[in-house]
C-alpha atoms as a PDB file:
ATOM      1  CA  MET A   1      25.315 -70.177-129.990  1.00  0.00           C
ATOM      2  CA  ARG A   2      21.612 -71.571-130.580  1.00  0.00           C
ATOM      3  CA  ALA A   3      18.931 -69.352-131.111  1.00  0.00           C
ATOM      4  CA  PRO A   4      16.634 -69.249-128.097  1.00  0.00           C
ATOM      5  CA  LEU A   5      12.867 -70.605-129.583  1.00  0.00           C
ATOM      6  CA  PRO A   6      10.911 -68.150-129.688  1.00  0.00           C
ATOM      7  CA  TYR A   7      13.031 -66.334-131.375  1.00  0.00           C
ATOM      8  CA  ARG A   8      13.443 -68.537-134.353  1.00  0.00           C
ATOM      9  CA  HIS A   9       9.593 -68.999-134.299  1.00  0.00           C
ATOM     10  CA  LEU A  10       9.405 -65.345-134.460  1.00  0.00           C
ATOM     11  CA  LEU A  11      11.944 -65.016-137.814  1.00  0.00           C
ATOM     12  CA  ARG A  12      10.360 -67.771-139.378  1.00  0.00           C
ATOM     13  CA  LEU A  13       6.478 -65.618-138.765  1.00  0.00           C
ATOM     14  CA  LEU A  14       8.134 -62.652-139.861  1.00  0.00           C
ATOM     15  CA  ALA A  15       9.333 -64.098-143.351  1.00  0.00           C
ATOM     16  CA  ALA A  16       6.112 -65.616-144.025  1.00  0.00           C
ATOM     17  CA  SER A  17       4.336 -62.734-142.389  1.00  0.00           C
ATOM     18  CA  LEU A  18       6.434 -60.694-145.319  1.00  0.00           C
ATOM     19  CA  GLY A  19       6.151 -63.118-148.128  1.00  0.00           C
ATOM     20  CA  LEU A  20       1.561 -62.584-147.742  1.00  0.00           C
ATOM     21  CA  CYS A  21       2.059 -58.559-147.361  1.00  0.00           C
ATOM     22  CA  VAL A  22       4.256 -59.236-150.809  1.00  0.00           C
ATOM     23  CA  SER A  23       2.059 -61.498-152.370  1.00  0.00           C
ATOM     24  CA  LEU A  24      -0.897 -59.647-151.330  1.00  0.00           C
ATOM     25  CA  ALA A  25      -0.051 -55.952-152.044  1.00  0.00           C
ATOM     26  CA  GLY A  26       0.733 -56.710-156.059  1.00  0.00           C
ATOM     27  CA  ALA A  27      -2.984 -57.580-155.780  1.00  0.00           C
ATOM     28  CA  SER A  28      -5.550 -55.827-156.871  1.00  0.00           C
ATOM     29  CA  PRO A  29      -8.620 -55.677-155.592  1.00  0.00           C
ATOM     30  CA  PRO A  30     -12.097 -56.163-156.434  1.00  0.00           C
ATOM     31  CA  ALA A  31     -13.962 -54.250-158.809  1.00  0.00           C
ATOM     32  CA  SER A  32     -17.991 -54.594-157.009  1.00  0.00           C
ATOM     33  CA  ALA A  33     -19.273 -53.667-161.021  1.00  0.00           C
ATOM     34  CA  GLU A  34     -17.402 -56.690-162.246  1.00  0.00           C
ATOM     35  CA  PRO A  35     -19.328 -59.461-163.375  1.00  0.00           C
ATOM     36  CA  ALA A  36     -20.693 -62.856-161.271  1.00  0.00           C
ATOM     37  CA  ALA A  37     -18.630 -64.655-163.222  1.00  0.00           C
ATOM     38  CA  ALA A  38     -14.891 -62.523-163.260  1.00  0.00           C
ATOM     39  CA  ALA A  39     -15.661 -64.129-159.166  1.00  0.00           C
ATOM     40  CA  PRO A  40     -14.132 -67.417-159.643  1.00  0.00           C
ATOM     41  CA  ALA A  41     -11.326 -66.891-161.732  1.00  0.00           C
ATOM     42  CA  ALA A  42     -10.386 -64.229-159.302  1.00  0.00           C
ATOM     43  CA  ALA A  43     -10.802 -67.034-156.423  1.00  0.00           C
ATOM     44  CA  ALA A  44      -8.470 -69.034-158.814  1.00  0.00           C
ATOM     45  CA  SER A  45      -6.040 -66.581-159.433  1.00  0.00           C
ATOM     46  CA  LEU A  46      -6.204 -66.143-155.098  1.00  0.00           C
ATOM     47  CA  ASP A  47      -5.711 -69.993-155.392  1.00  0.00           C
ATOM     48  CA  GLU A  48      -2.754 -69.964-157.536  1.00  0.00           C
ATOM     49  CA  ARG A  49      -0.139 -67.031-155.823  1.00  0.00           C
ATOM     50  CA  VAL A  50      -1.510 -68.560-151.957  1.00  0.00           C
ATOM     51  CA  GLN A  51      -0.212 -72.207-153.143  1.00  0.00           C
ATOM     52  CA  THR A  52       3.709 -70.717-154.532  1.00  0.00           C
ATOM     53  CA  LEU A  53       2.767 -68.334-151.457  1.00  0.00           C
ATOM     54  CA  LYS A  54       3.014 -72.340-149.743  1.00  0.00           C
ATOM     55  CA  ASN A  55       5.534 -73.629-152.113  1.00  0.00           C
ATOM     56  CA  ASP A  56       8.082 -70.591-151.137  1.00  0.00           C
ATOM     57  CA  LEU A  57       7.810 -70.285-147.439  1.00  0.00           C
ATOM     58  CA  ILE A  58       8.273 -74.651-147.252  1.00  0.00           C
ATOM     59  CA  GLN A  59      11.497 -74.224-149.697  1.00  0.00           C
ATOM     60  CA  LEU A  60      12.508 -71.275-146.907  1.00  0.00           C
ATOM     61  CA  ASN A  61      11.915 -73.551-143.744  1.00  0.00           C
ATOM     62  CA  ARG A  62      13.940 -75.972-145.723  1.00  0.00           C
ATOM     63  CA  ASP A  63      16.635 -73.289-146.029  1.00  0.00           C
ATOM     64  CA  LEU A  64      16.508 -72.058-142.763  1.00  0.00           C
ATOM     65  CA  LEU A  65      17.228 -75.350-140.819  1.00  0.00           C
ATOM     66  CA  VAL A  66      20.260 -76.139-143.118  1.00  0.00           C
ATOM     67  CA  LEU A  67      21.487 -72.819-142.583  1.00  0.00           C
ATOM     68  CA  GLU A  68      20.652 -72.882-138.404  1.00  0.00           C
ATOM     69  CA  GLU A  69      22.497 -77.073-138.717  1.00  0.00           C
ATOM     70  CA  GLU A  70      25.666 -75.472-140.285  1.00  0.00           C
ATOM     71  CA  LEU A  71      25.786 -72.711-137.762  1.00  0.00           C
ATOM     72  CA  LEU A  72      26.116 -75.386-135.392  1.00  0.00           C
ATOM     73  CA  PHE A  73      27.226 -78.237-136.173  1.00  0.00           C
ATOM     74  CA  PRO A  74      30.140 -76.547-138.246  1.00  0.00           C
ATOM     75  CA  ALA A  75      32.188 -79.384-140.358  1.00  0.00           C
ATOM     76  CA  SER A  76      35.577 -78.601-138.399  1.00  0.00           C
ATOM     77  CA  THR A  77      34.060 -79.527-135.104  1.00  0.00           C
ATOM     78  CA  GLN A  78      30.969 -82.142-135.965  1.00  0.00           C
ATOM     79  CA  VAL A  79      30.420 -85.402-134.934  1.00  0.00           C
ATOM     80  CA  ALA A  80      27.875 -87.739-135.822  1.00  0.00           C
ATOM     81  CA  VAL A  81      27.162 -91.337-133.979  1.00  0.00           C
ATOM     82  CA  PHE A  82      25.339 -93.572-135.887  1.00  0.00           C
ATOM     83  CA  VAL A  83      23.667 -97.445-134.830  1.00  0.00           C
ATOM     84  CA  SER A  84      22.651 -99.802-137.600  1.00  0.00           C
ATOM     85  CA  MET A  85      22.034-103.554-136.932  1.00  0.00           C
ATOM     86  CA  ASP A  86      22.871-106.461-139.337  1.00  0.00           C
ATOM     87  CA  VAL A  87      21.030-109.241-139.172  1.00  0.00           C
ATOM     88  CA  GLY A  88      19.891-109.068-135.315  1.00  0.00           C
ATOM     89  CA  LYS A  89      19.048-112.399-134.782  1.00  0.00           C
ATOM     90  CA  LEU A  90      20.774-113.056-131.326  1.00  0.00           C
ATOM     91  CA  PHE A  91      19.995-109.905-130.134  1.00  0.00           C
ATOM     92  CA  GLU A  92      17.480-108.072-129.042  1.00  0.00           C
ATOM     93  CA  LEU A  93      17.894-104.528-129.049  1.00  0.00           C
ATOM     94  CA  GLU A  94      15.738-101.962-126.073  1.00  0.00           C
ATOM     95  CA  SER A  95      18.859 -99.013-125.951  1.00  0.00           C
ATOM     96  CA  VAL A  96      21.199 -97.606-126.978  1.00  0.00           C
ATOM     97  CA  GLN A  97      23.593 -95.141-125.023  1.00  0.00           C
ATOM     98  CA  ILE A  98      26.461 -92.683-125.337  1.00  0.00           C
ATOM     99  CA  LYS A  99      29.149 -91.070-123.870  1.00  0.00           C
ATOM    100  CA  LEU A 100      32.052 -88.803-124.962  1.00  0.00           C
ATOM    101  CA  GLY A 101      34.505 -88.914-122.201  1.00  0.00           C
ATOM    102  CA  ASP A 102      32.721 -89.056-119.319  1.00  0.00           C
ATOM    103  CA  LYS A 103      29.624 -87.467-120.222  1.00  0.00           C
ATOM    104  CA  LEU A 104      26.656 -88.976-120.363  1.00  0.00           C
ATOM    105  CA  VAL A 105      25.789 -87.202-124.362  1.00  0.00           C
ATOM    106  CA  ALA A 106      22.387 -89.739-125.921  1.00  0.00           C
ATOM    107  CA  SER A 107      20.353 -92.110-124.834  1.00  0.00           C
ATOM    108  CA  HIS A 108      17.326 -94.009-126.982  1.00  0.00           C
ATOM    109  CA  LEU A 109      14.595 -96.811-125.462  1.00  0.00           C
ATOM    110  CA  TYR A 110      13.728 -98.357-128.752  1.00  0.00           C
ATOM    111  CA  THR A 111       9.980 -99.871-130.200  1.00  0.00           C
ATOM    112  CA  PRO A 112       9.712-103.076-131.982  1.00  0.00           C
ATOM    113  CA  ALA A 113       9.244-100.556-135.984  1.00  0.00           C
ATOM    114  CA  GLU A 114      12.985 -99.164-134.845  1.00  0.00           C
ATOM    115  CA  VAL A 115      14.267-102.088-134.590  1.00  0.00           C
ATOM    116  CA  GLN A 116      12.781-103.474-137.327  1.00  0.00           C
ATOM    117  CA  ALA A 117      13.426-100.795-139.445  1.00  0.00           C
ATOM    118  CA  LEU A 118      17.119-100.990-138.244  1.00  0.00           C
ATOM    119  CA  HIS A 119      16.670-104.860-138.972  1.00  0.00           C
ATOM    120  CA  ARG A 120      15.901-103.896-142.462  1.00  0.00           C
ATOM    121  CA  GLY A 121      18.608-102.136-143.014  1.00  0.00           C
ATOM    122  CA  GLY A 122      18.130 -98.601-141.780  1.00  0.00           C
ATOM    123  CA  VAL A 123      20.861 -96.485-139.771  1.00  0.00           C
ATOM    124  CA  GLN A 124      19.732 -94.266-137.114  1.00  0.00           C
ATOM    125  CA  ARG A 125      21.324 -91.321-136.091  1.00  0.00           C
ATOM    126  CA  LEU A 126      21.998 -90.949-132.710  1.00  0.00           C
ATOM    127  CA  TYR A 127      23.782 -88.303-131.702  1.00  0.00           C
ATOM    128  CA  LEU A 128      24.784 -84.893-133.748  1.00  0.00           C
ATOM    129  CA  GLY A 129      27.392 -82.583-132.303  1.00  0.00           C
ATOM    130  CA  ASN A 130      30.395 -80.235-131.628  1.00  0.00           C
ATOM    131  CA  LEU A 131      33.890 -82.400-130.100  1.00  0.00           C
ATOM    132  CA  ARG A 132      36.743 -79.308-129.968  1.00  0.00           C
ATOM    133  CA  THR A 133      39.696 -81.628-131.902  1.00  0.00           C
ATOM    134  CA  GLY A 134      42.405 -83.922-130.184  1.00  0.00           C
ATOM    135  CA  THR A 135      41.931 -87.567-129.051  1.00  0.00           C
ATOM    136  CA  HIS A 136      38.611 -88.325-127.966  1.00  0.00           C
ATOM    137  CA  GLU A 137      36.525 -91.617-126.134  1.00  0.00           C
ATOM    138  CA  LEU A 138      33.411 -93.061-126.841  1.00  0.00           C
ATOM    139  CA  VAL A 139      31.480 -95.748-124.291  1.00  0.00           C
ATOM    140  CA  ALA A 140      28.215 -96.628-126.447  1.00  0.00           C
ATOM    141  CA  ILE A 141      26.067 -99.234-124.132  1.00  0.00           C
ATOM    142  CA  PHE A 142      23.908-101.618-125.887  1.00  0.00           C
ATOM    143  CA  THR A 143      21.055-103.522-122.856  1.00  0.00           C
ATOM    144  CA  GLY A 144      18.340-105.738-124.231  1.00  0.00           C
ATOM    145  CA  GLY A 145      17.695-109.675-124.790  1.00  0.00           C
ATOM    146  CA  GLY A 146      20.559-112.123-126.060  1.00  0.00           C
ATOM    147  CA  PRO A 147      19.936-115.457-126.582  1.00  0.00           C
ATOM    148  CA  HIS A 148      18.556-118.028-124.493  1.00  0.00           C
ATOM    149  CA  GLN A 149      15.704-114.727-123.258  1.00  0.00           C
ATOM    150  CA  ARG A 150      19.087-113.493-121.295  1.00  0.00           C
ATOM    151  CA  ASP A 151      19.216-109.915-120.633  1.00  0.00           C
ATOM    152  CA  TYR A 152      22.057-108.111-122.266  1.00  0.00           C
ATOM    153  CA  ARG A 153      24.308-105.329-121.135  1.00  0.00           C
ATOM    154  CA  ARG A 154      28.130-104.932-123.304  1.00  0.00           C
ATOM    155  CA  GLY A 155      29.396-102.001-123.908  1.00  0.00           C
ATOM    156  CA  ALA A 156      31.957-101.132-127.258  1.00  0.00           C
ATOM    157  CA  THR A 157      34.448 -98.737-127.133  1.00  0.00           C
ATOM    158  CA  VAL A 158      36.045 -96.645-129.112  1.00  0.00           C
ATOM    159  CA  LYS A 159      39.729 -94.324-128.823  1.00  0.00           C
ATOM    160  CA  PHE A 160      39.782 -91.691-132.186  1.00  0.00           C
ATOM    161  CA  ASP A 161      41.181 -88.528-133.232  1.00  0.00           C
ATOM    162  CA  LYS A 162      39.382 -85.447-134.100  1.00  0.00           C
ATOM    163  CA  GLY A 163      40.950 -83.295-136.776  1.00  0.00           C
ATOM    164  CA  ALA A 164      39.471 -80.182-138.890  1.00  0.00           C
ATOM    165  CA  ASP A 165      37.094 -83.062-140.723  1.00  0.00           C
ATOM    166  CA  PRO A 166      33.327 -83.758-139.569  1.00  0.00           C
ATOM    167  CA  LYS A 167      33.537 -87.585-137.614  1.00  0.00           C
ATOM    168  CA  TYR A 168      31.163 -90.320-138.580  1.00  0.00           C
ATOM    169  CA  ILE A 169      31.125 -93.617-135.630  1.00  0.00           C
ATOM    170  CA  GLU A 170      28.794 -96.040-137.271  1.00  0.00           C
ATOM    171  CA  LEU A 171      27.839 -98.568-134.452  1.00  0.00           C
ATOM    172  CA  ARG A 172      26.955-101.539-135.342  1.00  0.00           C
ATOM    173  CA  ILE A 173      25.135-104.547-134.038  1.00  0.00           C
ATOM    174  CA  GLN A 174      25.894-107.852-135.824  1.00  0.00           C
ATOM    175  CA  ASP A 175      25.634-111.689-135.185  1.00  0.00           C
ATOM    176  CA  ALA A 176      28.166-114.201-134.760  1.00  0.00           C
ATOM    177  CA  ALA A 177      26.744-117.085-135.230  1.00  0.00           C
ATOM    178  CA  GLY A 178      30.453-119.381-134.464  1.00  0.00           C
ATOM    179  CA  LYS A 179      30.027-117.665-130.929  1.00  0.00           C
ATOM    180  CA  LEU A 180      25.885-117.675-130.467  1.00  0.00           C
ATOM    181  CA  GLN A 181      26.530-114.268-129.706  1.00  0.00           C
ATOM    182  CA  PRO A 182      25.893-110.827-130.389  1.00  0.00           C
ATOM    183  CA  GLU A 183      28.626-108.852-131.473  1.00  0.00           C
ATOM    184  CA  PHE A 184      28.844-105.065-130.947  1.00  0.00           C
ATOM    185  CA  ASN A 185      31.197-102.835-133.241  1.00  0.00           C
ATOM    186  CA  VAL A 186      32.425 -99.524-133.746  1.00  0.00           C
ATOM    187  CA  LYS A 187      33.341 -97.902-136.509  1.00  0.00           C
ATOM    188  CA  VAL A 188      35.035 -94.013-137.474  1.00  0.00           C
ATOM    189  CA  TRP A 189      34.643 -92.974-140.731  1.00  0.00           C
END
């Protein structure tokens, strides 16, 4: 079960505050009788401690995000859906919708920059969620422009068995040069 958003932020704020308090508790207050030359050294020391504290907080944030993902999406129920493109000269991707069973679980409208990233070999994680073990059906609906400036709305369907291991599904858009049409393939890993 996901913790409500304010509690997660409160935990992070508490961790940051605790780290700051511990860091400052170790600092000795500056003596008023110290010469003026010692002030820059004390400021440099304080800057170093603040930088160390920032690095510790960044590492703590990374650890919390990894822990959150492990708790929300355990490997035994995890399903991830990715989108990739091969060449893509015959299809201009505009959007993708993902349905698991009869439920719409993800949809995405693509910007030209995102489409270019997919053309350069990028892979986008479109969905990450939990599924119980058993047989499931995934339906992906692709919309965009095809050859001769025609609008395309095509789907790809796959049935897969979800076991105890994580399941990864790749939605691949590629050109079928012989047919002069795009093909939409689904690969289950």
